[in-house]
Amino acid sequence: MKFYFPKEQRKIQDAIVFMVEEFNKYCRNTKPVILHSLKVGFVLMELGRPKDVVIAGLLHDLIEDSKCNIKKIEQNFGRKVAGIVDVLTTDKSIKDYQERWHKDVKRIIKKGRDAILIKIIDSKDNFPYYILISDKKKLKEVLWKHNLLIQSFSKYMKGEKIFQNYRKMVEESNKN
């Protein structure tokens, strides 16, 4: 685990407080999004990722699931964090599910390894929720998305243990 200097720890703590305050003001998601966001950030810390990547992981769902905007994130945490959070925010203006995800994946890959890693950690943590989906069409879409992520990120992350674990989870679900 990477050592974070007190100044870095303070910025990470500020991001946690910011995230919790934004979700407490308004949250669109019924899942435990604060816990999920903390888990993503803590995994990034365990992997020794830089402070800005950890902060982006903590804030990755804010734009989609709260009334927070990218400008507010940039003002509080800088351009790098905002840039990563921005590409991790699904483009809801694209109505076709598969087209949207193909474009989102391209944006994430273009942003680089840190964005890919956050998306993998995010998706791995969210994956167990697929069993709660009762709508067969929605279930099929979600499984398709996870398979797309595995296929798209494989050449960038195949050596990463977290990616291997995520791929194994998805492959096991494909058998069922």
N, C-alpha and C. Protein backbone atom coordinates (compact mmCIF):
# COMPACT_ATOMS: atom_id res chain seq x y z
N MET A 1 0.85 -1.18 0.00
CA MET A 1 0.00 0.00 0.00
C MET A 1 0.89 1.24 0.00
N LYS A 2 0.53 2.19 -0.81
CA LYS A 2 1.28 3.44 -0.93
C LYS A 2 1.12 4.27 0.35
N PHE A 3 2.17 4.98 0.70
CA PHE A 3 2.09 5.93 1.80
C PHE A 3 1.57 7.26 1.26
N TYR A 4 0.53 7.78 1.86
CA TYR A 4 0.00 9.08 1.46
C TYR A 4 0.41 10.10 2.51
N PHE A 5 1.09 11.15 2.08
CA PHE A 5 1.51 12.21 2.98
C PHE A 5 0.29 12.89 3.57
N PRO A 6 0.44 13.54 4.73
CA PRO A 6 -0.72 14.18 5.37
C PRO A 6 -1.51 15.11 4.46
N LYS A 7 -0.83 15.86 3.61
CA LYS A 7 -1.53 16.76 2.68
C LYS A 7 -2.40 15.96 1.69
N GLU A 8 -1.88 14.82 1.23
CA GLU A 8 -2.64 13.95 0.33
C GLU A 8 -3.82 13.31 1.07
N GLN A 9 -3.56 12.87 2.29
CA GLN A 9 -4.63 12.28 3.10
C GLN A 9 -5.75 13.29 3.33
N ARG A 10 -5.38 14.52 3.55
CA ARG A 10 -6.38 15.58 3.78
C ARG A 10 -7.24 15.79 2.54
N LYS A 11 -6.61 15.79 1.36
CA LYS A 11 -7.38 15.97 0.11
C LYS A 11 -8.32 14.79 -0.12
N ILE A 12 -7.85 13.58 0.19
CA ILE A 12 -8.71 12.39 0.06
C ILE A 12 -9.88 12.49 1.03
N GLN A 13 -9.58 12.90 2.25
CA GLN A 13 -10.65 13.09 3.24
C GLN A 13 -11.63 14.17 2.78
N ASP A 14 -11.12 15.26 2.23
CA ASP A 14 -11.99 16.32 1.71
C ASP A 14 -12.91 15.78 0.61
N ALA A 15 -12.37 14.90 -0.22
CA ALA A 15 -13.18 14.30 -1.30
C ALA A 15 -14.28 13.41 -0.73
N ILE A 16 -13.97 12.68 0.32
CA ILE A 16 -14.99 11.83 0.96
C ILE A 16 -16.11 12.69 1.54
N VAL A 17 -15.75 13.74 2.25
CA VAL A 17 -16.75 14.64 2.83
C VAL A 17 -17.58 15.27 1.72
N PHE A 18 -16.93 15.74 0.67
CA PHE A 18 -17.61 16.35 -0.47
C PHE A 18 -18.61 15.38 -1.09
N MET A 19 -18.15 14.15 -1.33
CA MET A 19 -19.00 13.13 -1.95
C MET A 19 -20.23 12.83 -1.08
N VAL A 20 -20.01 12.64 0.21
CA VAL A 20 -21.12 12.34 1.12
C VAL A 20 -22.10 13.51 1.17
N GLU A 21 -21.59 14.73 1.25
CA GLU A 21 -22.47 15.91 1.29
C GLU A 21 -23.31 16.02 0.01
N GLU A 22 -22.69 15.78 -1.14
CA GLU A 22 -23.42 15.87 -2.41
C GLU A 22 -24.51 14.80 -2.49
N PHE A 23 -24.19 13.58 -2.09
CA PHE A 23 -25.19 12.51 -2.12
C PHE A 23 -26.28 12.74 -1.07
N ASN A 24 -25.94 13.33 0.04
CA ASN A 24 -26.95 13.62 1.06
C ASN A 24 -27.90 14.72 0.63
N LYS A 25 -27.44 15.63 -0.22
CA LYS A 25 -28.32 16.67 -0.76
C LYS A 25 -29.35 16.06 -1.71
N TYR A 26 -28.87 15.16 -2.57
CA TYR A 26 -29.75 14.54 -3.56
C TYR A 26 -29.03 13.32 -4.15
N CYS A 27 -29.72 12.20 -4.19
CA CYS A 27 -29.15 10.98 -4.77
C CYS A 27 -30.21 10.27 -5.60
N ARG A 28 -29.89 10.02 -6.87
CA ARG A 28 -30.81 9.33 -7.78
C ARG A 28 -30.77 7.81 -7.64
N ASN A 29 -29.71 7.30 -7.03
CA ASN A 29 -29.47 5.86 -7.01
C ASN A 29 -30.04 5.23 -5.74
N THR A 30 -30.72 4.10 -5.89
CA THR A 30 -31.28 3.41 -4.72
C THR A 30 -30.26 2.45 -4.09
N LYS A 31 -29.19 2.15 -4.82
CA LYS A 31 -28.14 1.29 -4.26
C LYS A 31 -27.32 2.10 -3.25
N PRO A 32 -26.57 1.44 -2.40
CA PRO A 32 -25.75 2.15 -1.40
C PRO A 32 -24.54 2.81 -2.05
N VAL A 33 -24.79 3.92 -2.73
CA VAL A 33 -23.77 4.55 -3.56
C VAL A 33 -22.62 5.16 -2.75
N ILE A 34 -22.87 5.61 -1.54
CA ILE A 34 -21.78 6.15 -0.72
C ILE A 34 -20.81 5.02 -0.36
N LEU A 35 -21.34 3.91 0.11
CA LEU A 35 -20.50 2.76 0.43
C LEU A 35 -19.74 2.30 -0.81
N HIS A 36 -20.44 2.20 -1.93
CA HIS A 36 -19.81 1.78 -3.19
C HIS A 36 -18.66 2.72 -3.56
N SER A 37 -18.88 4.01 -3.48
CA SER A 37 -17.84 4.98 -3.85
C SER A 37 -16.64 4.88 -2.91
N LEU A 38 -16.89 4.67 -1.63
CA LEU A 38 -15.80 4.48 -0.68
C LEU A 38 -15.00 3.22 -1.01
N LYS A 39 -15.71 2.15 -1.34
CA LYS A 39 -15.02 0.90 -1.69
C LYS A 39 -14.12 1.09 -2.90
N VAL A 40 -14.61 1.79 -3.92
CA VAL A 40 -13.80 2.04 -5.12
C VAL A 40 -12.55 2.83 -4.73
N GLY A 41 -12.72 3.89 -3.96
CA GLY A 41 -11.57 4.69 -3.53
C GLY A 41 -10.57 3.90 -2.70
N PHE A 42 -11.07 3.08 -1.78
CA PHE A 42 -10.18 2.32 -0.91
C PHE A 42 -9.40 1.25 -1.69
N VAL A 43 -10.03 0.63 -2.68
CA VAL A 43 -9.31 -0.33 -3.51
C VAL A 43 -8.18 0.39 -4.25
N LEU A 44 -8.46 1.57 -4.77
CA LEU A 44 -7.42 2.35 -5.45
C LEU A 44 -6.27 2.69 -4.50
N MET A 45 -6.60 2.99 -3.24
CA MET A 45 -5.55 3.25 -2.25
C MET A 45 -4.73 1.99 -1.99
N GLU A 46 -5.41 0.86 -1.87
CA GLU A 46 -4.70 -0.41 -1.66
C GLU A 46 -3.76 -0.72 -2.81
N LEU A 47 -4.15 -0.30 -4.02
CA LEU A 47 -3.32 -0.53 -5.20
C LEU A 47 -2.21 0.52 -5.33
N GLY A 48 -2.21 1.49 -4.42
CA GLY A 48 -1.15 2.50 -4.42
C GLY A 48 -1.27 3.55 -5.50
N ARG A 49 -2.47 3.78 -5.96
CA ARG A 49 -2.66 4.78 -7.02
C ARG A 49 -2.49 6.19 -6.45
N PRO A 50 -2.11 7.14 -7.31
CA PRO A 50 -1.91 8.52 -6.86
C PRO A 50 -3.19 9.14 -6.30
N LYS A 51 -3.00 10.14 -5.46
CA LYS A 51 -4.09 10.83 -4.77
C LYS A 51 -5.21 11.25 -5.73
N ASP A 52 -4.88 11.85 -6.87
CA ASP A 52 -5.92 12.31 -7.80
C ASP A 52 -6.74 11.15 -8.37
N VAL A 53 -6.13 10.01 -8.56
CA VAL A 53 -6.85 8.84 -9.06
C VAL A 53 -7.79 8.31 -7.97
N VAL A 54 -7.31 8.28 -6.74
CA VAL A 54 -8.15 7.85 -5.61
C VAL A 54 -9.37 8.78 -5.50
N ILE A 55 -9.12 10.08 -5.59
CA ILE A 55 -10.21 11.05 -5.49
C ILE A 55 -11.20 10.87 -6.64
N ALA A 56 -10.71 10.66 -7.85
CA ALA A 56 -11.61 10.42 -9.00
C ALA A 56 -12.44 9.17 -8.76
N GLY A 57 -11.84 8.14 -8.16
CA GLY A 57 -12.58 6.92 -7.84
C GLY A 57 -13.67 7.18 -6.81
N LEU A 58 -13.37 8.00 -5.83
CA LEU A 58 -14.37 8.34 -4.81
C LEU A 58 -15.54 9.12 -5.41
N LEU A 59 -15.25 9.95 -6.40
CA LEU A 59 -16.26 10.85 -6.97
C LEU A 59 -16.87 10.35 -8.28
N HIS A 60 -16.50 9.17 -8.72
CA HIS A 60 -16.86 8.70 -10.06
C HIS A 60 -18.36 8.66 -10.36
N ASP A 61 -19.21 8.51 -9.37
CA ASP A 61 -20.66 8.42 -9.60
C ASP A 61 -21.42 9.72 -9.33
N LEU A 62 -20.73 10.75 -8.92
CA LEU A 62 -21.43 11.97 -8.51
C LEU A 62 -22.25 12.61 -9.62
N ILE A 63 -21.71 12.69 -10.81
CA ILE A 63 -22.42 13.38 -11.90
C ILE A 63 -23.69 12.61 -12.27
N GLU A 64 -23.58 11.29 -12.35
CA GLU A 64 -24.73 10.46 -12.72
C GLU A 64 -25.79 10.40 -11.63
N ASP A 65 -25.37 10.37 -10.37
CA ASP A 65 -26.29 10.03 -9.29
C ASP A 65 -26.62 11.16 -8.33
N SER A 66 -26.13 12.36 -8.60
CA SER A 66 -26.46 13.51 -7.75
C SER A 66 -26.68 14.74 -8.64
N LYS A 67 -26.84 15.88 -8.03
CA LYS A 67 -26.99 17.12 -8.80
C LYS A 67 -25.66 17.86 -8.95
N CYS A 68 -24.58 17.23 -8.52
CA CYS A 68 -23.25 17.82 -8.66
C CYS A 68 -22.88 17.89 -10.14
N ASN A 69 -22.11 18.90 -10.53
CA ASN A 69 -21.67 19.00 -11.92
C ASN A 69 -20.15 18.95 -12.00
N ILE A 70 -19.66 18.75 -13.20
CA ILE A 70 -18.23 18.57 -13.42
C ILE A 70 -17.44 19.84 -13.07
N LYS A 71 -18.05 21.00 -13.26
CA LYS A 71 -17.39 22.27 -12.93
C LYS A 71 -17.10 22.34 -11.42
N LYS A 72 -18.04 21.91 -10.61
CA LYS A 72 -17.87 21.93 -9.16
C LYS A 72 -16.75 20.97 -8.74
N ILE A 73 -16.68 19.83 -9.39
CA ILE A 73 -15.59 18.87 -9.09
C ILE A 73 -14.25 19.48 -9.49
N GLU A 74 -14.20 20.10 -10.66
CA GLU A 74 -12.94 20.72 -11.09
C GLU A 74 -12.52 21.85 -10.14
N GLN A 75 -13.46 22.66 -9.72
CA GLN A 75 -13.15 23.77 -8.80
C GLN A 75 -12.58 23.26 -7.48
N ASN A 76 -13.09 22.14 -7.01
CA ASN A 76 -12.68 21.60 -5.71
C ASN A 76 -11.47 20.67 -5.78
N PHE A 77 -11.30 19.96 -6.90
CA PHE A 77 -10.28 18.92 -6.94
C PHE A 77 -9.37 18.96 -8.16
N GLY A 78 -9.58 19.90 -9.05
CA GLY A 78 -8.66 20.08 -10.17
C GLY A 78 -9.11 19.42 -11.47
N ARG A 79 -8.40 19.80 -12.51
CA ARG A 79 -8.72 19.36 -13.88
C ARG A 79 -8.52 17.86 -14.08
N LYS A 80 -7.45 17.30 -13.51
CA LYS A 80 -7.19 15.87 -13.70
C LYS A 80 -8.32 15.03 -13.14
N VAL A 81 -8.72 15.30 -11.90
CA VAL A 81 -9.82 14.56 -11.27
C VAL A 81 -11.10 14.73 -12.09
N ALA A 82 -11.41 15.97 -12.44
CA ALA A 82 -12.63 16.24 -13.22
C ALA A 82 -12.61 15.53 -14.56
N GLY A 83 -11.46 15.49 -15.20
CA GLY A 83 -11.35 14.81 -16.50
C GLY A 83 -11.63 13.32 -16.40
N ILE A 84 -11.13 12.69 -15.34
CA ILE A 84 -11.39 11.26 -15.16
C ILE A 84 -12.86 11.03 -14.83
N VAL A 85 -13.39 11.82 -13.90
CA VAL A 85 -14.81 11.66 -13.53
C VAL A 85 -15.70 11.88 -14.76
N ASP A 86 -15.34 12.84 -15.58
CA ASP A 86 -16.14 13.15 -16.78
C ASP A 86 -16.23 11.95 -17.71
N VAL A 87 -15.11 11.28 -18.00
CA VAL A 87 -15.17 10.14 -18.92
C VAL A 87 -15.84 8.93 -18.30
N LEU A 88 -15.89 8.87 -16.97
CA LEU A 88 -16.56 7.76 -16.31
C LEU A 88 -18.07 7.98 -16.16
N THR A 89 -18.53 9.15 -16.58
CA THR A 89 -19.95 9.48 -16.51
C THR A 89 -20.62 9.06 -17.83
N THR A 90 -21.58 8.17 -17.72
CA THR A 90 -22.28 7.65 -18.89
C THR A 90 -23.00 8.77 -19.62
N ASP A 91 -22.88 8.76 -20.93
CA ASP A 91 -23.53 9.78 -21.76
C ASP A 91 -24.99 9.39 -22.00
N LYS A 92 -25.86 9.88 -21.14
CA LYS A 92 -27.29 9.52 -21.20
C LYS A 92 -28.00 10.13 -22.42
N SER A 93 -27.35 11.04 -23.13
CA SER A 93 -27.98 11.62 -24.31
C SER A 93 -28.06 10.60 -25.45
N ILE A 94 -27.25 9.55 -25.38
CA ILE A 94 -27.29 8.48 -26.38
C ILE A 94 -28.30 7.45 -25.89
N LYS A 95 -29.41 7.36 -26.58
CA LYS A 95 -30.52 6.51 -26.12
C LYS A 95 -30.28 5.02 -26.32
N ASP A 96 -29.60 4.65 -27.41
CA ASP A 96 -29.35 3.23 -27.67
C ASP A 96 -28.30 2.71 -26.68
N TYR A 97 -28.66 1.71 -25.90
CA TYR A 97 -27.82 1.18 -24.83
C TYR A 97 -26.45 0.72 -25.33
N GLN A 98 -26.44 -0.09 -26.38
CA GLN A 98 -25.17 -0.61 -26.88
C GLN A 98 -24.31 0.48 -27.50
N GLU A 99 -24.91 1.37 -28.26
CA GLU A 99 -24.16 2.48 -28.84
C GLU A 99 -23.54 3.35 -27.73
N ARG A 100 -24.34 3.64 -26.70
CA ARG A 100 -23.86 4.46 -25.57
C ARG A 100 -22.64 3.81 -24.93
N TRP A 101 -22.72 2.51 -24.66
CA TRP A 101 -21.62 1.85 -23.99
C TRP A 101 -20.39 1.73 -24.87
N HIS A 102 -20.56 1.51 -26.16
CA HIS A 102 -19.40 1.48 -27.07
C HIS A 102 -18.68 2.83 -27.04
N LYS A 103 -19.43 3.92 -27.07
CA LYS A 103 -18.83 5.25 -27.03
C LYS A 103 -18.21 5.54 -25.67
N ASP A 104 -18.88 5.15 -24.60
CA ASP A 104 -18.32 5.35 -23.26
C ASP A 104 -16.99 4.60 -23.12
N VAL A 105 -16.94 3.37 -23.58
CA VAL A 105 -15.71 2.57 -23.49
C VAL A 105 -14.58 3.24 -24.27
N LYS A 106 -14.87 3.73 -25.45
CA LYS A 106 -13.84 4.42 -26.25
C LYS A 106 -13.30 5.63 -25.52
N ARG A 107 -14.18 6.40 -24.88
CA ARG A 107 -13.75 7.58 -24.12
C ARG A 107 -12.87 7.17 -22.94
N ILE A 108 -13.25 6.11 -22.26
CA ILE A 108 -12.49 5.63 -21.10
C ILE A 108 -11.10 5.17 -21.54
N ILE A 109 -11.04 4.39 -22.61
CA ILE A 109 -9.74 3.92 -23.12
C ILE A 109 -8.87 5.09 -23.53
N LYS A 110 -9.46 6.06 -24.20
CA LYS A 110 -8.70 7.23 -24.64
C LYS A 110 -8.12 8.00 -23.44
N LYS A 111 -8.85 8.03 -22.33
CA LYS A 111 -8.39 8.74 -21.13
C LYS A 111 -7.20 8.03 -20.49
N GLY A 112 -7.16 6.70 -20.62
CA GLY A 112 -5.98 5.98 -20.14
C GLY A 112 -6.22 4.98 -19.03
N ARG A 113 -5.14 4.44 -18.57
CA ARG A 113 -5.11 3.33 -17.63
C ARG A 113 -5.84 3.64 -16.31
N ASP A 114 -5.68 4.84 -15.79
CA ASP A 114 -6.34 5.18 -14.53
C ASP A 114 -7.86 5.12 -14.67
N ALA A 115 -8.39 5.67 -15.75
CA ALA A 115 -9.84 5.63 -15.98
C ALA A 115 -10.32 4.19 -16.18
N ILE A 116 -9.54 3.41 -16.90
CA ILE A 116 -9.89 2.00 -17.12
C ILE A 116 -9.92 1.26 -15.78
N LEU A 117 -8.91 1.48 -14.97
CA LEU A 117 -8.84 0.81 -13.67
C LEU A 117 -10.03 1.17 -12.79
N ILE A 118 -10.37 2.44 -12.73
CA ILE A 118 -11.53 2.85 -11.93
C ILE A 118 -12.80 2.17 -12.45
N LYS A 119 -12.96 2.13 -13.77
CA LYS A 119 -14.16 1.51 -14.35
C LYS A 119 -14.22 0.01 -14.01
N ILE A 120 -13.07 -0.65 -14.01
CA ILE A 120 -13.04 -2.07 -13.66
C ILE A 120 -13.44 -2.27 -12.20
N ILE A 121 -12.85 -1.48 -11.32
CA ILE A 121 -13.17 -1.60 -9.89
C ILE A 121 -14.65 -1.29 -9.66
N ASP A 122 -15.13 -0.24 -10.29
CA ASP A 122 -16.55 0.15 -10.21
C ASP A 122 -17.44 -0.99 -10.69
N SER A 123 -17.15 -1.53 -11.85
CA SER A 123 -17.98 -2.58 -12.44
C SER A 123 -17.92 -3.87 -11.62
N LYS A 124 -16.74 -4.19 -11.12
CA LYS A 124 -16.59 -5.40 -10.30
C LYS A 124 -17.43 -5.27 -9.02
N ASP A 125 -17.41 -4.08 -8.42
CA ASP A 125 -18.18 -3.89 -7.20
C ASP A 125 -19.69 -3.88 -7.48
N ASN A 126 -20.09 -3.36 -8.63
CA ASN A 126 -21.51 -3.32 -8.99
C ASN A 126 -22.05 -4.65 -9.52
N PHE A 127 -21.16 -5.50 -10.02
CA PHE A 127 -21.60 -6.71 -10.70
C PHE A 127 -22.56 -7.59 -9.90
N PRO A 128 -22.33 -7.82 -8.62
CA PRO A 128 -23.26 -8.71 -7.88
C PRO A 128 -24.71 -8.23 -7.88
N TYR A 129 -24.95 -6.96 -8.15
CA TYR A 129 -26.32 -6.45 -8.18
C TYR A 129 -27.13 -6.97 -9.37
N TYR A 130 -26.44 -7.54 -10.37
CA TYR A 130 -27.17 -8.02 -11.54
C TYR A 130 -28.20 -9.09 -11.18
N ILE A 131 -27.95 -9.83 -10.10
CA ILE A 131 -28.90 -10.88 -9.72
C ILE A 131 -30.23 -10.31 -9.24
N LEU A 132 -30.25 -9.04 -8.91
CA LEU A 132 -31.49 -8.41 -8.45
C LEU A 132 -32.37 -7.92 -9.60
N ILE A 133 -31.85 -8.00 -10.81
CA ILE A 133 -32.60 -7.51 -11.97
C ILE A 133 -33.61 -8.57 -12.40
N SER A 134 -34.88 -8.22 -12.34
CA SER A 134 -35.92 -9.19 -12.69
C SER A 134 -36.34 -9.07 -14.16
N ASP A 135 -36.18 -7.90 -14.75
CA ASP A 135 -36.52 -7.69 -16.15
C ASP A 135 -35.48 -8.38 -17.04
N LYS A 136 -35.93 -9.38 -17.81
CA LYS A 136 -35.01 -10.19 -18.61
C LYS A 136 -34.26 -9.37 -19.66
N LYS A 137 -34.91 -8.40 -20.26
CA LYS A 137 -34.24 -7.55 -21.25
C LYS A 137 -33.14 -6.73 -20.58
N LYS A 138 -33.44 -6.13 -19.44
CA LYS A 138 -32.46 -5.33 -18.71
C LYS A 138 -31.30 -6.21 -18.24
N LEU A 139 -31.59 -7.40 -17.77
CA LEU A 139 -30.56 -8.33 -17.33
C LEU A 139 -29.62 -8.67 -18.49
N LYS A 140 -30.20 -8.94 -19.64
CA LYS A 140 -29.40 -9.26 -20.83
C LYS A 140 -28.50 -8.08 -21.21
N GLU A 141 -29.02 -6.87 -21.12
CA GLU A 141 -28.23 -5.67 -21.43
C GLU A 141 -27.06 -5.51 -20.45
N VAL A 142 -27.34 -5.70 -19.18
CA VAL A 142 -26.29 -5.53 -18.17
C VAL A 142 -25.18 -6.56 -18.35
N LEU A 143 -25.56 -7.80 -18.59
CA LEU A 143 -24.54 -8.83 -18.83
C LEU A 143 -23.76 -8.54 -20.11
N TRP A 144 -24.45 -8.05 -21.13
CA TRP A 144 -23.77 -7.65 -22.37
C TRP A 144 -22.73 -6.56 -22.08
N LYS A 145 -23.12 -5.57 -21.27
CA LYS A 145 -22.21 -4.46 -20.92
C LYS A 145 -20.96 -5.00 -20.21
N HIS A 146 -21.13 -5.87 -19.25
CA HIS A 146 -19.97 -6.40 -18.52
C HIS A 146 -19.07 -7.20 -19.46
N ASN A 147 -19.64 -7.95 -20.37
CA ASN A 147 -18.83 -8.67 -21.35
C ASN A 147 -18.09 -7.71 -22.27
N LEU A 148 -18.75 -6.61 -22.65
CA LEU A 148 -18.09 -5.59 -23.48
C LEU A 148 -16.89 -5.00 -22.74
N LEU A 149 -17.07 -4.69 -21.46
CA LEU A 149 -15.97 -4.12 -20.67
C LEU A 149 -14.80 -5.09 -20.60
N ILE A 150 -15.08 -6.36 -20.36
CA ILE A 150 -14.02 -7.38 -20.30
C ILE A 150 -13.28 -7.43 -21.62
N GLN A 151 -14.03 -7.53 -22.71
CA GLN A 151 -13.43 -7.63 -24.04
C GLN A 151 -12.62 -6.37 -24.37
N SER A 152 -13.16 -5.21 -24.08
CA SER A 152 -12.53 -3.94 -24.45
C SER A 152 -11.29 -3.62 -23.62
N PHE A 153 -11.30 -3.97 -22.35
CA PHE A 153 -10.20 -3.60 -21.46
C PHE A 153 -9.13 -4.68 -21.32
N SER A 154 -9.38 -5.84 -21.88
CA SER A 154 -8.48 -6.98 -21.70
C SER A 154 -7.05 -6.68 -22.09
N LYS A 155 -6.83 -6.07 -23.23
CA LYS A 155 -5.45 -5.84 -23.67
C LYS A 155 -4.72 -4.81 -22.83
N TYR A 156 -5.45 -3.99 -22.10
CA TYR A 156 -4.85 -2.97 -21.26
C TYR A 156 -4.61 -3.44 -19.83
N MET A 157 -5.42 -4.40 -19.37
CA MET A 157 -5.43 -4.75 -17.95
C MET A 157 -5.27 -6.24 -17.66
N LYS A 158 -5.01 -7.08 -18.67
CA LYS A 158 -5.05 -8.52 -18.45
C LYS A 158 -4.10 -9.00 -17.36
N GLY A 159 -3.02 -8.28 -17.07
CA GLY A 159 -2.09 -8.68 -16.03
C GLY A 159 -2.51 -8.26 -14.63
N GLU A 160 -3.52 -7.43 -14.54
CA GLU A 160 -3.97 -6.92 -13.23
C GLU A 160 -4.87 -7.95 -12.54
N LYS A 161 -4.55 -8.24 -11.30
CA LYS A 161 -5.33 -9.23 -10.55
C LYS A 161 -6.80 -8.83 -10.42
N ILE A 162 -7.04 -7.55 -10.18
CA ILE A 162 -8.43 -7.09 -10.03
C ILE A 162 -9.22 -7.32 -11.32
N PHE A 163 -8.57 -7.14 -12.47
CA PHE A 163 -9.22 -7.40 -13.76
C PHE A 163 -9.48 -8.89 -13.92
N GLN A 164 -8.51 -9.72 -13.57
CA GLN A 164 -8.69 -11.18 -13.67
C GLN A 164 -9.86 -11.65 -12.82
N ASN A 165 -9.98 -11.09 -11.61
CA ASN A 165 -11.09 -11.46 -10.72
C ASN A 165 -12.43 -11.03 -11.31
N TYR A 166 -12.46 -9.82 -11.84
CA TYR A 166 -13.69 -9.32 -12.48
C TYR A 166 -14.06 -10.20 -13.67
N ARG A 167 -13.08 -10.51 -14.52
CA ARG A 167 -13.35 -11.36 -15.69
C ARG A 167 -13.89 -12.71 -15.26
N LYS A 168 -13.33 -13.28 -14.19
CA LYS A 168 -13.79 -14.59 -13.70
C LYS A 168 -15.25 -14.50 -13.24
N MET A 169 -15.61 -13.42 -12.54
CA MET A 169 -17.00 -13.23 -12.10
C MET A 169 -17.95 -13.20 -13.30
N VAL A 170 -17.57 -12.44 -14.32
CA VAL A 170 -18.42 -12.29 -15.50
C VAL A 170 -18.51 -13.62 -16.26
N GLU A 171 -17.39 -14.29 -16.42
CA GLU A 171 -17.39 -15.57 -17.13
C GLU A 171 -18.25 -16.61 -16.41
N GLU A 172 -18.20 -16.63 -15.09
CA GLU A 172 -19.04 -17.56 -14.32
C GLU A 172 -20.53 -17.26 -14.53
N SER A 173 -20.87 -16.00 -14.61
CA SER A 173 -22.28 -15.64 -14.82
C SER A 173 -22.72 -16.01 -16.23
N ASN A 174 -21.80 -15.98 -17.18
CA ASN A 174 -22.14 -16.35 -18.56
C ASN A 174 -22.49 -17.83 -18.66
N LYS A 175 -21.96 -18.64 -17.77
CA LYS A 175 -22.23 -20.08 -17.77
C LYS A 175 -23.61 -20.39 -17.22
N ASN A 176 -24.15 -19.49 -16.40
CA ASN A 176 -25.45 -19.74 -15.74
C ASN A 176 -26.61 -19.30 -16.57
